[in-house]
Amino acid sequence: MNAFIIYRNEYQYLHPNNNSCKDASKLAAERWSKEPEDVKSYYKEIAKQHLARNQSQNPLEIAYSIHQNVAQNSSVTT
């Protein structure tokens, strides 16, 4: 699973009012293209960890695990 797909899945999860997958994909793609490189790198790291775990765990679980670690170790939240 690549970084954008993880970003798009998280976007759809966080925006459940978008009824159409097509609309959610389009909106996520528009936002992805405007994201700074550090955000894209963050999702690339999640994708890398997902591959390292042999795809045995949901990438959103990995993302939220990273979110929790960041929140515990920093005052910065995403």
C-alpha atoms as a PDB file:
ATOM      1  CA  MET A   1       0.000   0.000   0.000  1.00  0.00           C
ATOM      2  CA  ASN A   2       1.450   3.357  -0.962  1.00  0.00           C
ATOM      3  CA  ALA A   3       1.503   6.623   0.989  1.00  0.00           C
ATOM      4  CA  PHE A   4      -1.340   8.252  -0.936  1.00  0.00           C
ATOM      5  CA  ILE A   5      -3.666   5.267  -0.501  1.00  0.00           C
ATOM      6  CA  ILE A   6      -3.092   5.360   3.253  1.00  0.00           C
ATOM      7  CA  TYR A   7      -3.691   9.134   3.245  1.00  0.00           C
ATOM      8  CA  ARG A   8      -6.841   8.689   1.161  1.00  0.00           C
ATOM      9  CA  ASN A   9      -8.176   5.916   3.413  1.00  0.00           C
ATOM     10  CA  GLU A  10      -7.579   8.056   6.476  1.00  0.00           C
ATOM     11  CA  TYR A  11      -9.196  11.035   4.745  1.00  0.00           C
ATOM     12  CA  GLN A  12     -12.316   9.001   3.993  1.00  0.00           C
ATOM     13  CA  TYR A  13     -12.399   7.675   7.562  1.00  0.00           C
ATOM     14  CA  LEU A  14     -12.141  11.205   8.982  1.00  0.00           C
ATOM     15  CA  HIS A  15     -14.738  12.598   6.535  1.00  0.00           C
ATOM     16  CA  PRO A  16     -17.555  10.037   6.600  1.00  0.00           C
ATOM     17  CA  ASN A  17     -20.071  12.492   5.109  1.00  0.00           C
ATOM     18  CA  ASN A  18     -18.512  11.997   1.677  1.00  0.00           C
ATOM     19  CA  ASN A  19     -20.866   9.290   0.446  1.00  0.00           C
ATOM     20  CA  SER A  20     -19.101   8.618  -2.829  1.00  0.00           C
ATOM     21  CA  CYS A  21     -15.706   6.910  -2.914  1.00  0.00           C
ATOM     22  CA  LYS A  22     -15.051   8.775  -6.150  1.00  0.00           C
ATOM     23  CA  ASP A  23     -15.690  12.134  -4.460  1.00  0.00           C
ATOM     24  CA  ALA A  24     -13.569  11.174  -1.461  1.00  0.00           C
ATOM     25  CA  SER A  25     -10.722  10.153  -3.770  1.00  0.00           C
ATOM     26  CA  LYS A  26     -10.928  13.393  -5.713  1.00  0.00           C
ATOM     27  CA  LEU A  27     -10.960  15.541  -2.565  1.00  0.00           C
ATOM     28  CA  ALA A  28      -8.129  13.550  -0.993  1.00  0.00           C
ATOM     29  CA  ALA A  29      -6.061  13.884  -4.191  1.00  0.00           C
ATOM     30  CA  GLU A  30      -6.584  17.646  -4.219  1.00  0.00           C
ATOM     31  CA  ARG A  31      -5.490  17.904  -0.592  1.00  0.00           C
ATOM     32  CA  TRP A  32      -2.552  15.519  -1.111  1.00  0.00           C
ATOM     33  CA  SER A  33      -1.182  17.676  -3.920  1.00  0.00           C
ATOM     34  CA  LYS A  34      -1.140  20.674  -1.562  1.00  0.00           C
ATOM     35  CA  GLU A  35       0.357  18.888   1.441  1.00  0.00           C
ATOM     36  CA  PRO A  36       3.890  19.894   2.457  1.00  0.00           C
ATOM     37  CA  GLU A  37       6.670  17.374   2.023  1.00  0.00           C
ATOM     38  CA  ASP A  38       6.822  16.607   5.754  1.00  0.00           C
ATOM     39  CA  VAL A  39       3.203  15.373   5.671  1.00  0.00           C
ATOM     40  CA  LYS A  40       3.908  13.242   2.610  1.00  0.00           C
ATOM     41  CA  SER A  41       7.037  11.874   4.282  1.00  0.00           C
ATOM     42  CA  TYR A  42       4.954  10.970   7.315  1.00  0.00           C
ATOM     43  CA  TYR A  43       2.617   8.838   5.189  1.00  0.00           C
ATOM     44  CA  LYS A  44       5.560   7.367   3.271  1.00  0.00           C
ATOM     45  CA  GLU A  45       6.965   6.215   6.612  1.00  0.00           C
ATOM     46  CA  ILE A  46       3.636   4.603   7.503  1.00  0.00           C
ATOM     47  CA  ALA A  47       3.655   2.806   4.138  1.00  0.00           C
ATOM     48  CA  LYS A  48       7.225   1.662   4.748  1.00  0.00           C
ATOM     49  CA  GLN A  49       6.309   0.322   8.197  1.00  0.00           C
ATOM     50  CA  HIS A  50       3.250  -1.348   6.722  1.00  0.00           C
ATOM     51  CA  LEU A  51       5.433  -3.243   4.251  1.00  0.00           C
ATOM     52  CA  ALA A  52       7.879  -4.159   7.007  1.00  0.00           C
ATOM     53  CA  ARG A  53       5.057  -5.718   8.992  1.00  0.00           C
ATOM     54  CA  ASN A  54       4.241  -7.951   6.008  1.00  0.00           C
ATOM     55  CA  GLN A  55       0.869  -6.337   5.589  1.00  0.00           C
ATOM     56  CA  SER A  56      -0.378  -8.207   8.646  1.00  0.00           C
ATOM     57  CA  GLN A  57      -1.761  -5.099  10.303  1.00  0.00           C
ATOM     58  CA  ASN A  58      -4.133  -2.432   9.017  1.00  0.00           C
ATOM     59  CA  PRO A  59      -2.126   0.673   7.953  1.00  0.00           C
ATOM     60  CA  LEU A  60      -4.598   2.945   9.757  1.00  0.00           C
ATOM     61  CA  GLU A  61      -3.737   1.129  12.986  1.00  0.00           C
ATOM     62  CA  ILE A  62      -0.081   1.876  12.283  1.00  0.00           C
ATOM     63  CA  ALA A  63      -0.928   5.530  11.583  1.00  0.00           C
ATOM     64  CA  TYR A  64      -2.846   5.924  14.822  1.00  0.00           C
ATOM     65  CA  SER A  65      -0.096   4.159  16.732  1.00  0.00           C
ATOM     66  CA  ILE A  66       2.379   6.689  15.341  1.00  0.00           C
ATOM     67  CA  HIS A  67      -0.049   9.536  16.145  1.00  0.00           C
ATOM     68  CA  GLN A  68      -0.207   8.325  19.753  1.00  0.00           C
ATOM     69  CA  ASN A  69       3.579   8.088  20.027  1.00  0.00           C
ATOM     70  CA  VAL A  70       4.004  11.584  18.616  1.00  0.00           C
ATOM     71  CA  ALA A  71       1.360  12.975  20.986  1.00  0.00           C
ATOM     72  CA  GLN A  72       3.032  11.334  23.982  1.00  0.00           C
ATOM     73  CA  ASN A  73       6.499  12.579  23.047  1.00  0.00           C
ATOM     74  CA  SER A  74       5.624  16.037  21.792  1.00  0.00           C
ATOM     75  CA  SER A  75       3.099  18.815  22.101  1.00  0.00           C
ATOM     76  CA  VAL A  76       2.641  18.688  18.308  1.00  0.00           C
ATOM     77  CA  THR A  77      -0.478  16.921  17.031  1.00  0.00           C
ATOM     78  CA  THR A  78      -1.468  16.070  13.474  1.00  0.00           C
END
